[in-house]
Each structure stands twice: as C-alpha cells, then as structure tokens.
Amino acid sequence: MPRITLEDIKFNKGRRPGILTKEVVLPERKKERIEREEVKEKGERVKRNFFGGESAPKQRIERTPQVKTRKRIISTPVIVFFLIAIIFGGIYWAGEKFQRANVEIKSKGEVINYSDKGFTASKNLGTGNVDFEIMIIGDKATKKVILTEPEDVSIKAKGSVTLYNEFSATSQKITAGTFIADKEGKTYKTDSTVTIPGYKTENKKIIPGQVVVNITAFLPGATYNGSSPDFFFTSFKGTTKYNKIYGKLKTPLSGGASGLVYKLNEEDKVKLKNIAEMSFKNDLIQKVNALVPPGFILYKEAQNFSYEINDSILSEKPEADIEMEGTISVLLLKEKSLMDKIIETSLPDIKGEELKEINITNLKDLSFAFKNEGQVISKDIETIPFSLSGDVNVVWRPDQDDLKIKLAGLQKDSVLPVFRKDPGISSAIVKILPPWHRYLPDNINQIYITVDE
C-alpha cells in the first residue's frame, strides 16, 4: 500500500481560503501510468519534450476539397466522329493491305471403259509403244513336310568337284572310276574320264588348269552326304602330285541312304506345290514390290513364278526339311509412257497445250492380262503384247500458275473469257476479299486457286 504523508498545506487558487488540501505522493511508475490513462480518456496525444515536459497536441486543420474545373476544348460528338473514322480507316487499310481472291475451279473429267484393250510393251524407245523393264528375283526357302511313304533303299551319295592341276604345264588325264577322298577318309569315284589342263604362269604366278567332274560315293549310306571342301587322289599319295593335283567341292554330296527311309510321293509333291505357290510366292512378291522404282507400275498379273525342289530327297524320319528354290520375273510398265499411250489412242483429238493438263488417276486399278497365254518373261525379250480392262478416269488439271498470271488485275466481270479458253475447266467461282473490291489483286501471290477434280 502507498504511504500517505502530509507534506504541505497549499491554498488552491480559485478556492475559498481556509480549505486545506492534501497531496498524495505516489510511486513514479504508477504516476506515469495514471497520466497516460488520463490522456487516453481525453482523446489527446501527449508528446513529451526534451526535458520530460508535455507539449500541447497539434491541431489538425481541415479544409473542404475544391474541384477545379477546366473548359472543354473538344466536344463529345467530335471525339466519336474521329473514333469512327479511325476504325473504318483501319478496316479499309487492312482490306487494301490483305486483299485476296479465292478461285474455285471444277475441272473437266471423262471416264473411258476398256474391255481387253490391246497394247504393246517395247524395249525400243521411240516406237510409240509402252516402255517397260524386267525384274527377276530368286530366293531359297526350307519348308517342313511330313512324308508318308517309307522304302528300304541302298543309295550312294552323288555330287561334283572341280579338279585343279598345279603340277605341270601339260594336261593330266583322269580316267573314270579314279578314287578320290576327302580329309576324313571318305572315298568316292569319278563318274567320267576328264583331262585337267596344264597350269599357266602370269607375272611369275601359277594359275592352275581346272575341270569339273561328277563323283559318286564308294559305298551307300547317309554318312557320305555332306560338303567336305578338299579332295585328294589316293593313287598320288606319297608323290609330289598329291598336293599339286587336287579337287574342291562344287556341289554338295547328297542322296546317300541305306535301310528304311522316307521319300517324296505324288501326294507330298502336291503339298509342296501349294506351299510354293502360296507362302513362298507371296514372300517373293513382297520383295519385288519393295524394289519397284518410282515411276513404274507393277500389275499383279504381270509376272512369272517358278520353283524347284529335290525330288530324290530321302529322310530317315517322316518329318523332313525340304529345300525349295524359287524365281519370280515381273514386267514393270513405265507409268508416264502408259498414260501417254492411253490418251493418244482414246483421245486422239486432244493436241498441244491441252495434253499437258490431262492426267489418269487410276492406272494401277486396271486389270492386266498377257495377250499370249503362257507368256514367258525374260531379260532377252523385246516386245510383250498385253491388254487392259476397267474404267479409266481421265481428269484435266489446269495450269494454276498460268491462270494466276492471266487473272491478275482483271475486273471480276472480265474473268469468264479466261476460263472459257481453258478446255480443262468445267466451271469456276471467283470470290474477292474485301467485298468492295471489283478487281482481282495484281500480285499473283494473293490469288488462291483450288481445283475440284
């Protein structure tokens, strides 16, 4: 509790004399808090001066804001007029700057029906016939077949070797039945009498003479089948001829068998024929299609296909791998030459510049047939007669660059004679943007042509 002390007796000014007042002395901190609360209650902010005294609060001067008015120089209607003028001027400028003409053309078309229409393909240029090229592709494939016919056999393997003579410059005669063996010791006999030419020397290098001879295994059986690369004459063993007169395998030795084996019968051959003409032929056709050069047409009927199989194959098991060798020969017609020939024969009245506008859109969809049944395609053939069937779609494609030059700067009402002079145009519509223009642009790059065939 604060201690109250009677310190002094003062006379307050404005009060009646004789009245005594007491001064209460409070702690300094509490006194400051009370003063702040009093200031807060009065709504005044007390600012202490440098000596700790209080300064009177500043008075805020309040004024009524005055709105300054200026005299309007341009009236609202004038501003609106200028805005409208700017907008329309911008539109007009944009129309002049980005002027364009859209020309929609319906081209002329005609359908010609062919039914075995005859043509001739020729290798000789300038004959007026259709130009062509021949492509021949061969390949091998192995197909699995289940054989059904067993047989007890005793067959010797057969093949061929190339004999070489590095022994002397004079020829060496090898008689029929001479024994020749591979490095494994399997022995064979020559089937005929042959003479190996003597070697030649070029730039001090020996070029051996050579000759091919067929050989047959000495004994039957599958062990003699194979492809051993080197052969030597047993009669020359121990002499200088042994390594100088020798043989190299030319065709594999095959066909050797003994005991119960399976062979091809007529039913198996029919199976192989179906395999060859379906899957094997299709594989070859896909290879040909991938190699057709640009500008040529290959009709699926313009081809020959042939294949070969080893009829004498023998297998120790019913399931056998049959090697098949096939060849496909195709006739490739030059597209431009064929199109020109069709136009020449079917549209003889068209001449001059109009010929350049004509195009045939469906050449590849026509049906092809050889005129000669069983036509053989070979590299030596000079002419091949053929026929085409189907609807030929002939369309005219006007020269757009030439049309733009002729239309540039023309009045819209003056373009009709230009279209009438072009025989490839069936009808045309001209649209000019912006619509207030009556003339097509002078700049051909601002003229856009679309052709509907």
Protein backbone atom coordinates (compact mmCIF):
# COMPACT_ATOMS: atom_id res chain seq x y z
CA MET A 1 0.00 0.00 0.00
CA PRO A 2 1.34 3.55 -0.82
CA ARG A 3 2.36 5.64 2.15
CA ILE A 4 0.41 8.84 2.51
CA THR A 5 2.34 11.74 4.08
CA LEU A 6 1.15 15.12 4.93
CA GLU A 7 3.80 17.26 3.26
CA ASP A 8 2.45 20.64 2.85
CA ILE A 9 -0.61 22.76 3.08
CA LYS A 10 -1.40 24.88 -0.01
CA PHE A 11 -4.09 27.26 -0.92
CA ASN A 12 -5.62 26.44 -4.23
CA LYS A 13 -6.31 29.34 -6.44
CA GLY A 14 -9.96 29.82 -7.01
CA ARG A 15 -10.98 28.12 -3.88
CA ARG A 16 -12.10 29.62 -0.67
CA PRO A 17 -9.33 30.41 1.75
CA GLY A 18 -9.07 28.33 4.76
CA ILE A 19 -9.66 24.99 2.98
CA LEU A 20 -6.80 22.66 3.30
CA THR A 21 -5.80 20.12 0.58
CA LYS A 22 -3.72 17.05 0.87
CA GLU A 23 -1.15 15.96 -1.74
CA VAL A 24 -0.75 12.30 -2.12
CA VAL A 25 2.68 11.14 -3.21
CA LEU A 26 2.56 8.03 -5.39
CA PRO A 27 5.34 5.92 -6.78
CA GLU A 28 6.77 7.33 -10.03
CA ARG A 29 5.77 4.40 -12.30
CA LYS A 30 2.22 4.32 -11.11
CA LYS A 31 2.01 8.04 -11.57
CA GLU A 32 3.06 7.80 -15.20
CA ARG A 33 0.50 5.05 -15.86
CA ILE A 34 -2.28 7.13 -14.43
CA GLU A 35 -1.24 10.13 -16.55
CA ARG A 36 -1.31 8.05 -19.70
CA GLU A 37 -4.76 6.75 -18.91
CA GLU A 38 -5.99 10.27 -18.36
CA VAL A 39 -4.63 11.40 -21.69
CA LYS A 40 -6.30 8.44 -23.35
CA GLU A 41 -9.63 9.30 -21.80
CA LYS A 42 -9.45 12.87 -23.06
CA GLY A 43 -8.61 11.66 -26.60
CA GLU A 44 -5.42 13.70 -26.72
CA ARG A 45 -1.97 12.53 -27.64
CA VAL A 46 0.68 13.81 -25.25
CA LYS A 47 4.11 14.38 -26.58
CA ARG A 48 6.94 14.76 -24.14
CA ASN A 49 9.57 17.38 -24.84
CA PHE A 50 13.27 17.07 -24.40
CA PHE A 51 13.09 17.96 -20.72
CA GLY A 52 10.39 15.50 -19.94
CA GLY A 53 7.57 18.02 -20.11
CA GLU A 54 4.47 17.71 -22.22
CA SER A 55 3.78 19.73 -25.33
CA ALA A 56 0.33 20.65 -26.46
CA PRO A 57 -1.13 18.42 -29.17
CA LYS A 58 -1.07 19.80 -32.65
CA GLN A 59 -4.35 20.89 -34.09
CA ARG A 60 -5.37 19.35 -37.48
CA ILE A 61 -6.58 21.89 -39.96
CA GLU A 62 -9.46 20.57 -42.01
CA ARG A 63 -10.49 22.01 -45.37
CA THR A 64 -13.31 21.34 -47.81
CA PRO A 65 -11.80 19.98 -51.13
CA GLN A 66 -12.28 22.24 -54.10
CA VAL A 67 -12.97 20.70 -57.59
CA LYS A 68 -11.10 22.52 -60.25
CA THR A 69 -12.99 22.84 -63.49
CA ARG A 70 -11.48 23.38 -66.94
CA LYS A 71 -13.16 24.50 -70.05
CA ARG A 72 -13.70 21.50 -72.51
CA ILE A 73 -11.80 22.11 -75.77
CA ILE A 74 -13.24 19.14 -77.95
CA SER A 75 -16.85 18.14 -77.69
CA THR A 76 -18.07 14.52 -77.34
CA PRO A 77 -19.62 14.26 -80.87
CA VAL A 78 -16.32 15.27 -82.42
CA ILE A 79 -14.47 12.60 -80.46
CA VAL A 80 -16.99 9.95 -81.50
CA PHE A 81 -16.68 11.04 -85.13
CA PHE A 82 -12.89 10.72 -85.04
CA LEU A 83 -13.06 7.26 -83.42
CA ILE A 84 -15.47 6.02 -86.08
CA ALA A 85 -13.24 7.46 -88.79
CA ILE A 86 -10.18 5.72 -87.34
CA ILE A 87 -12.00 2.36 -87.12
CA PHE A 88 -13.32 2.50 -90.67
CA GLY A 89 -9.99 3.77 -91.92
CA GLY A 90 -8.25 0.82 -90.26
CA ILE A 91 -10.71 -1.60 -91.83
CA TYR A 92 -10.18 -0.04 -95.27
CA TRP A 93 -6.40 -0.10 -94.86
CA ALA A 94 -6.46 -3.74 -93.78
CA GLY A 95 -8.68 -4.57 -96.77
CA GLU A 96 -6.23 -2.91 -99.13
CA LYS A 97 -3.22 -4.48 -97.45
CA PHE A 98 -4.58 -8.04 -97.25
CA GLN A 99 -6.65 -8.14 -100.41
CA ARG A 100 -7.06 -11.64 -101.87
CA ALA A 101 -9.05 -13.57 -104.45
CA ASN A 102 -10.28 -17.15 -104.00
CA VAL A 103 -10.89 -19.03 -107.26
CA GLU A 104 -12.74 -22.37 -107.02
CA ILE A 105 -12.45 -24.46 -110.21
CA LYS A 106 -14.35 -27.59 -111.18
CA SER A 107 -12.09 -29.44 -113.62
CA LYS A 108 -13.28 -31.42 -116.60
CA GLY A 109 -13.43 -35.22 -116.30
CA GLU A 110 -14.17 -38.20 -118.51
CA VAL A 111 -14.49 -41.98 -117.99
CA ILE A 112 -13.27 -44.39 -120.68
CA ASN A 113 -14.29 -48.04 -120.44
CA TYR A 114 -11.76 -50.67 -121.50
CA SER A 115 -12.53 -54.31 -122.19
CA ASP A 116 -9.36 -56.16 -123.21
CA LYS A 117 -7.95 -53.05 -124.84
CA GLY A 118 -4.74 -54.11 -126.57
CA PHE A 119 -1.32 -52.50 -126.10
CA THR A 120 2.29 -53.47 -126.75
CA ALA A 121 5.21 -53.04 -124.39
CA SER A 122 8.53 -52.48 -126.10
CA LYS A 123 12.14 -52.03 -125.02
CA ASN A 124 12.92 -49.94 -128.09
CA LEU A 125 12.32 -46.29 -127.31
CA GLY A 126 10.58 -44.12 -129.89
CA THR A 127 8.43 -46.90 -131.33
CA GLY A 128 5.21 -45.41 -129.93
CA ASN A 129 4.68 -48.40 -127.64
CA VAL A 130 4.72 -48.59 -123.84
CA ASP A 131 8.19 -48.58 -122.26
CA PHE A 132 8.98 -51.41 -119.84
CA GLU A 133 11.67 -53.01 -117.70
CA ILE A 134 12.16 -56.59 -116.47
CA MET A 135 12.96 -57.50 -112.86
CA ILE A 136 13.96 -61.04 -111.83
CA ILE A 137 14.44 -62.09 -108.20
CA GLY A 138 15.36 -65.53 -106.84
CA ASP A 139 15.47 -66.93 -103.32
CA LYS A 140 15.66 -70.15 -101.34
CA ALA A 141 13.47 -71.42 -98.52
CA THR A 142 13.23 -74.53 -96.37
CA LYS A 143 9.77 -75.98 -95.73
CA LYS A 144 8.81 -78.77 -93.32
CA VAL A 145 6.80 -81.66 -94.80
CA ILE A 146 5.54 -84.90 -93.23
CA LEU A 147 6.48 -87.75 -95.58
CA THR A 148 4.20 -90.78 -95.64
CA GLU A 149 5.92 -93.33 -97.91
CA PRO A 150 8.76 -95.45 -96.39
CA GLU A 151 11.11 -97.54 -98.55
CA ASP A 152 14.09 -99.87 -98.00
CA VAL A 153 16.93 -98.48 -100.10
CA SER A 154 20.67 -98.68 -100.72
CA ILE A 155 21.75 -95.50 -102.47
CA LYS A 156 25.14 -93.86 -102.91
CA ALA A 157 25.66 -90.13 -102.45
CA LYS A 158 26.47 -88.03 -105.52
CA GLY A 159 27.99 -84.59 -106.16
CA SER A 160 30.62 -82.80 -108.20
CA VAL A 161 34.13 -81.43 -107.65
CA THR A 162 36.44 -79.07 -109.53
CA LEU A 163 39.83 -80.66 -110.27
CA TYR A 164 42.96 -78.46 -110.34
CA ASN A 165 46.38 -79.03 -111.92
CA GLU A 166 49.31 -77.17 -110.35
CA PHE A 167 51.73 -79.98 -111.09
CA SER A 168 52.79 -79.20 -114.63
CA ALA A 169 52.10 -77.07 -117.67
CA THR A 170 50.99 -80.21 -119.52
CA SER A 171 47.49 -81.62 -119.14
CA GLN A 172 46.70 -84.51 -116.80
CA LYS A 173 44.18 -87.21 -117.74
CA ILE A 174 41.91 -88.62 -115.01
CA THR A 175 40.06 -91.78 -116.04
CA ALA A 176 36.54 -92.77 -114.94
CA GLY A 177 36.47 -94.70 -111.66
CA THR A 178 39.54 -93.00 -110.23
CA PHE A 179 39.37 -92.91 -106.43
CA ILE A 180 39.28 -89.52 -104.74
CA ALA A 181 38.92 -88.99 -100.95
CA ASP A 182 38.25 -86.13 -98.57
CA LYS A 183 40.27 -85.33 -95.46
CA GLU A 184 38.02 -87.55 -93.34
CA GLY A 185 38.90 -90.56 -95.48
CA LYS A 186 35.52 -90.99 -97.20
CA THR A 187 36.20 -92.29 -100.68
CA TYR A 188 34.40 -91.50 -103.97
CA LYS A 189 34.83 -92.39 -107.64
CA THR A 190 34.94 -90.13 -110.68
CA ASP A 191 31.95 -90.78 -112.98
CA SER A 192 33.72 -89.96 -116.26
CA THR A 193 37.11 -89.52 -117.84
CA VAL A 194 38.34 -85.91 -117.85
CA THR A 195 41.53 -84.05 -118.73
CA ILE A 196 42.82 -81.29 -116.48
CA PRO A 197 44.58 -78.54 -118.49
CA GLY A 198 48.12 -77.60 -117.53
CA TYR A 199 48.80 -74.54 -115.43
CA LYS A 200 49.71 -71.10 -116.81
CA THR A 201 52.12 -68.51 -115.48
CA GLU A 202 51.26 -64.81 -115.28
CA ASN A 203 53.70 -62.40 -113.61
CA LYS A 204 55.52 -65.39 -112.13
CA LYS A 205 52.28 -66.57 -110.55
CA ILE A 206 50.93 -70.05 -111.32
CA ILE A 207 47.31 -70.20 -112.47
CA PRO A 208 46.22 -73.87 -112.28
CA GLY A 209 44.18 -75.54 -115.01
CA GLN A 210 40.78 -76.80 -113.93
CA VAL A 211 37.88 -79.04 -114.93
CA VAL A 212 34.61 -80.20 -113.29
CA VAL A 213 33.75 -83.87 -112.81
CA ASN A 214 30.86 -85.71 -111.10
CA ILE A 215 31.68 -88.15 -108.32
CA THR A 216 29.80 -90.99 -106.59
CA ALA A 217 30.35 -92.38 -103.09
CA PHE A 218 32.19 -95.70 -102.93
CA LEU A 219 29.59 -97.12 -100.52
CA PRO A 220 25.86 -96.40 -99.95
CA GLY A 221 24.60 -94.58 -96.89
CA ALA A 222 23.90 -91.14 -95.47
CA THR A 223 27.41 -90.85 -93.99
CA TYR A 224 28.73 -89.93 -97.45
CA ASN A 225 26.42 -86.95 -97.68
CA GLY A 226 27.96 -83.60 -96.84
CA SER A 227 30.16 -80.86 -98.13
CA SER A 228 33.79 -81.58 -97.30
CA PRO A 229 35.75 -78.88 -99.14
CA ASP A 230 39.00 -80.63 -100.14
CA PHE A 231 39.65 -83.86 -102.09
CA PHE A 232 42.85 -85.72 -102.98
CA PHE A 233 43.63 -88.61 -105.33
CA THR A 234 44.56 -91.68 -103.30
CA SER A 235 46.77 -93.02 -106.14
CA PHE A 236 49.02 -89.93 -105.86
CA LYS A 237 49.64 -90.37 -102.13
CA GLY A 238 53.37 -90.29 -101.34
CA THR A 239 54.22 -88.46 -104.58
CA THR A 240 54.66 -84.78 -105.49
CA LYS A 241 51.36 -84.91 -107.39
CA TYR A 242 49.34 -85.46 -104.20
CA ASN A 243 49.24 -81.77 -103.23
CA LYS A 244 49.53 -80.43 -106.80
CA ILE A 245 46.61 -82.26 -108.42
CA TYR A 246 43.56 -81.98 -106.16
CA GLY A 247 39.83 -81.26 -106.02
CA LYS A 248 37.47 -78.70 -104.47
CA LEU A 249 33.79 -79.41 -103.81
CA LYS A 250 31.50 -77.72 -106.35
CA THR A 251 28.04 -79.08 -105.42
CA PRO A 252 27.18 -80.75 -102.10
CA LEU A 253 27.17 -84.52 -101.90
CA SER A 254 23.65 -85.79 -101.24
CA GLY A 255 21.22 -88.62 -101.80
CA GLY A 256 23.14 -91.27 -99.94
CA ALA A 257 20.92 -93.59 -97.88
CA SER A 258 20.60 -97.17 -96.74
CA GLY A 259 17.90 -99.09 -94.91
CA LEU A 260 14.33 -97.83 -94.27
CA VAL A 261 13.89 -94.21 -95.35
CA TYR A 262 11.06 -91.88 -96.38
CA LYS A 263 10.84 -90.37 -99.85
CA LEU A 264 8.58 -87.94 -101.69
CA ASN A 265 5.47 -89.40 -103.32
CA GLU A 266 2.92 -87.63 -105.54
CA GLU A 267 0.80 -86.53 -102.58
CA ASP A 268 3.83 -84.92 -100.92
CA LYS A 269 4.70 -83.12 -104.15
CA VAL A 270 1.19 -81.62 -104.30
CA LYS A 271 1.66 -80.32 -100.74
CA LEU A 272 4.95 -78.71 -101.69
CA LYS A 273 3.40 -77.15 -104.79
CA ASN A 274 0.69 -75.49 -102.68
CA ILE A 275 3.29 -74.22 -100.24
CA ALA A 276 5.41 -72.82 -103.08
CA GLU A 277 2.55 -71.03 -104.86
CA MET A 278 1.15 -69.56 -101.66
CA SER A 279 3.59 -68.58 -98.95
CA PHE A 280 6.86 -68.81 -100.89
CA LYS A 281 5.49 -66.90 -103.91
CA ASN A 282 3.97 -64.19 -101.66
CA ASP A 283 7.32 -63.73 -99.94
CA LEU A 284 9.00 -63.14 -103.29
CA ILE A 285 6.24 -60.73 -104.43
CA GLN A 286 6.71 -58.63 -101.28
CA LYS A 287 10.42 -58.37 -102.04
CA VAL A 288 9.68 -57.29 -105.62
CA ASN A 289 7.13 -54.65 -104.52
CA ALA A 290 9.71 -53.12 -102.20
CA LEU A 291 12.15 -52.78 -105.12
CA VAL A 292 9.82 -51.27 -107.76
CA PRO A 293 11.45 -47.94 -108.78
CA PRO A 294 9.39 -44.71 -108.77
CA GLY A 295 7.51 -44.03 -112.00
CA PHE A 296 6.79 -47.70 -112.78
CA ILE A 297 3.65 -49.81 -112.35
CA LEU A 298 3.64 -53.49 -111.38
CA TYR A 299 0.38 -55.33 -112.07
CA LYS A 300 0.00 -58.49 -110.01
CA GLU A 301 -0.85 -60.48 -113.17
CA ALA A 302 2.32 -59.31 -114.98
CA GLN A 303 4.64 -61.97 -113.55
CA ASN A 304 6.05 -65.46 -113.92
CA PHE A 305 6.79 -67.69 -110.94
CA SER A 306 8.74 -70.96 -110.95
CA TYR A 307 10.27 -73.18 -108.28
CA GLU A 308 12.40 -76.29 -107.95
CA ILE A 309 12.66 -78.97 -105.27
CA ASN A 310 14.85 -82.02 -104.87
CA ASP A 311 12.52 -84.88 -105.88
CA SER A 312 15.04 -87.52 -104.86
CA ILE A 313 15.26 -86.48 -101.22
CA LEU A 314 15.37 -89.30 -98.69
CA SER A 315 14.82 -88.84 -94.96
CA GLU A 316 15.41 -91.19 -92.06
CA LYS A 317 12.37 -89.62 -90.28
CA PRO A 318 8.86 -88.80 -91.55
CA GLU A 319 9.36 -85.09 -90.78
CA ALA A 320 11.73 -83.71 -93.38
CA ASP A 321 13.12 -80.28 -94.28
CA ILE A 322 12.66 -79.73 -98.00
CA GLU A 323 14.76 -77.03 -99.63
CA MET A 324 12.90 -75.03 -102.25
CA GLU A 325 14.40 -72.61 -104.77
CA GLY A 326 12.08 -70.09 -106.43
CA THR A 327 12.31 -67.36 -109.06
CA ILE A 328 9.86 -64.56 -109.88
CA SER A 329 10.07 -62.47 -113.07
CA VAL A 330 7.92 -59.33 -113.40
CA LEU A 331 7.05 -56.83 -116.11
CA LEU A 332 7.32 -53.18 -114.99
CA LEU A 333 5.45 -50.66 -117.18
CA LYS A 334 6.58 -47.04 -117.23
CA GLU A 335 3.63 -45.04 -115.87
CA LYS A 336 4.11 -41.87 -117.99
CA SER A 337 4.55 -43.89 -121.18
CA LEU A 338 1.40 -45.93 -120.49
CA MET A 339 -0.66 -42.82 -119.71
CA ASP A 340 0.52 -41.08 -122.91
CA LYS A 341 -0.39 -44.15 -124.96
CA ILE A 342 -3.90 -44.35 -123.47
CA ILE A 343 -4.51 -40.63 -124.18
CA GLU A 344 -3.14 -40.98 -127.70
CA THR A 345 -5.36 -43.93 -128.58
CA SER A 346 -8.53 -42.97 -126.67
CA LEU A 347 -8.47 -39.14 -127.01
CA PRO A 348 -6.91 -38.55 -130.46
CA ASP A 349 -8.44 -35.07 -130.91
CA ILE A 350 -6.56 -33.53 -127.97
CA LYS A 351 -3.47 -31.65 -129.08
CA GLY A 352 -1.00 -29.01 -127.98
CA GLU A 353 -1.03 -27.47 -124.53
CA GLU A 354 -4.18 -29.34 -123.50
CA LEU A 355 -2.24 -32.61 -123.45
CA LYS A 356 -0.18 -31.29 -120.55
CA GLU A 357 -3.32 -30.82 -118.43
CA ILE A 358 -4.62 -34.39 -118.76
CA ASN A 359 -3.96 -36.99 -116.10
CA ILE A 360 -5.23 -40.53 -115.40
CA THR A 361 -5.82 -41.11 -111.71
CA ASN A 362 -6.44 -44.87 -111.52
CA LEU A 363 -3.90 -46.59 -113.76
CA LYS A 364 -2.95 -49.05 -111.01
CA ASP A 365 -6.60 -50.14 -110.58
CA LEU A 366 -6.93 -51.54 -114.13
CA SER A 367 -6.82 -55.30 -114.82
CA PHE A 368 -3.79 -56.58 -116.72
CA ALA A 369 -3.52 -59.68 -118.93
CA PHE A 370 -0.91 -61.07 -121.32
CA LYS A 371 -2.16 -61.47 -124.88
CA ASN A 372 -0.12 -64.64 -125.31
CA GLU A 373 -1.12 -67.43 -122.95
CA GLY A 374 1.89 -68.76 -121.10
CA GLN A 375 3.93 -65.61 -121.80
CA VAL A 376 7.49 -66.08 -120.56
CA ILE A 377 9.21 -63.06 -119.04
CA SER A 378 12.97 -62.99 -119.60
CA LYS A 379 15.69 -60.38 -119.83
CA ASP A 380 16.14 -61.02 -123.54
CA ILE A 381 12.54 -60.32 -124.54
CA GLU A 382 11.99 -57.21 -126.71
CA THR A 383 8.18 -56.85 -127.00
CA ILE A 384 5.27 -58.09 -124.90
CA PRO A 385 1.63 -57.67 -126.06
CA PHE A 386 -0.90 -57.15 -123.26
CA SER A 387 -4.42 -55.88 -122.61
CA LEU A 388 -6.13 -53.69 -120.01
CA SER A 389 -9.70 -53.78 -118.70
CA GLY A 390 -11.68 -51.43 -116.47
CA ASP A 391 -12.81 -47.81 -116.19
CA VAL A 392 -10.12 -45.24 -116.98
CA ASN A 393 -10.67 -41.98 -115.08
CA VAL A 394 -9.33 -39.10 -117.18
CA VAL A 395 -9.18 -35.66 -115.49
CA TRP A 396 -7.94 -32.26 -116.61
CA ARG A 397 -5.63 -30.35 -114.28
CA PRO A 398 -5.42 -26.69 -115.37
CA ASP A 399 -2.07 -24.92 -115.09
CA GLN A 400 -2.62 -22.85 -111.93
CA ASP A 401 0.43 -20.63 -112.38
CA ASP A 402 -0.62 -19.71 -115.91
CA LEU A 403 -4.17 -18.99 -114.73
CA LYS A 404 -2.94 -16.65 -111.97
CA ILE A 405 -0.94 -14.62 -114.47
CA LYS A 406 -3.96 -14.28 -116.77
CA LEU A 407 -6.34 -13.33 -113.90
CA ALA A 408 -4.09 -10.83 -112.11
CA GLY A 409 -5.57 -7.30 -112.15
CA LEU A 410 -8.70 -8.25 -114.11
CA GLN A 411 -12.12 -6.89 -113.23
CA LYS A 412 -14.31 -9.54 -111.68
CA ASP A 413 -16.79 -9.36 -114.56
CA SER A 414 -14.00 -9.95 -117.11
CA VAL A 415 -12.69 -13.33 -115.89
CA LEU A 416 -15.21 -15.51 -117.75
CA PRO A 417 -13.38 -15.42 -121.13
CA VAL A 418 -10.20 -16.60 -119.40
CA PHE A 419 -11.96 -19.71 -118.04
CA ARG A 420 -13.68 -20.43 -121.36
CA LYS A 421 -10.36 -20.55 -123.19
CA ASP A 422 -9.13 -23.36 -120.91
CA PRO A 423 -10.75 -26.64 -122.07
CA GLY A 424 -9.92 -28.32 -118.76
CA ILE A 425 -12.22 -26.03 -116.73
CA SER A 426 -15.84 -27.13 -116.37
CA SER A 427 -16.95 -24.26 -114.07
CA ALA A 428 -15.40 -21.62 -111.80
CA ILE A 429 -16.34 -19.27 -108.95
CA VAL A 430 -14.36 -16.12 -108.07
CA LYS A 431 -14.58 -14.50 -104.61
CA ILE A 432 -12.74 -11.23 -103.89
CA LEU A 433 -11.95 -10.03 -100.37
CA PRO A 434 -12.72 -7.39 -99.15
CA PRO A 435 -16.09 -7.39 -100.92
CA TRP A 436 -15.94 -3.75 -102.08
CA HIS A 437 -13.11 -4.56 -104.49
CA ARG A 438 -14.11 -5.14 -108.09
CA TYR A 439 -10.65 -6.12 -109.37
CA LEU A 440 -8.51 -9.15 -108.64
CA PRO A 441 -5.14 -8.45 -106.97
CA ASP A 442 -2.22 -7.52 -109.21
CA ASN A 443 0.02 -9.72 -107.07
CA ILE A 444 -0.40 -13.38 -108.15
CA ASN A 445 0.59 -14.47 -104.63
CA GLN A 446 -2.73 -13.02 -103.42
CA ILE A 447 -4.73 -15.20 -105.83
CA TYR A 448 -5.56 -18.65 -104.42
CA ILE A 449 -6.84 -21.40 -106.73
CA THR A 450 -8.40 -24.70 -105.64
CA VAL A 451 -9.26 -27.41 -108.15
CA ASP A 452 -12.01 -29.95 -107.53
CA GLU A 453 -11.43 -32.98 -109.77
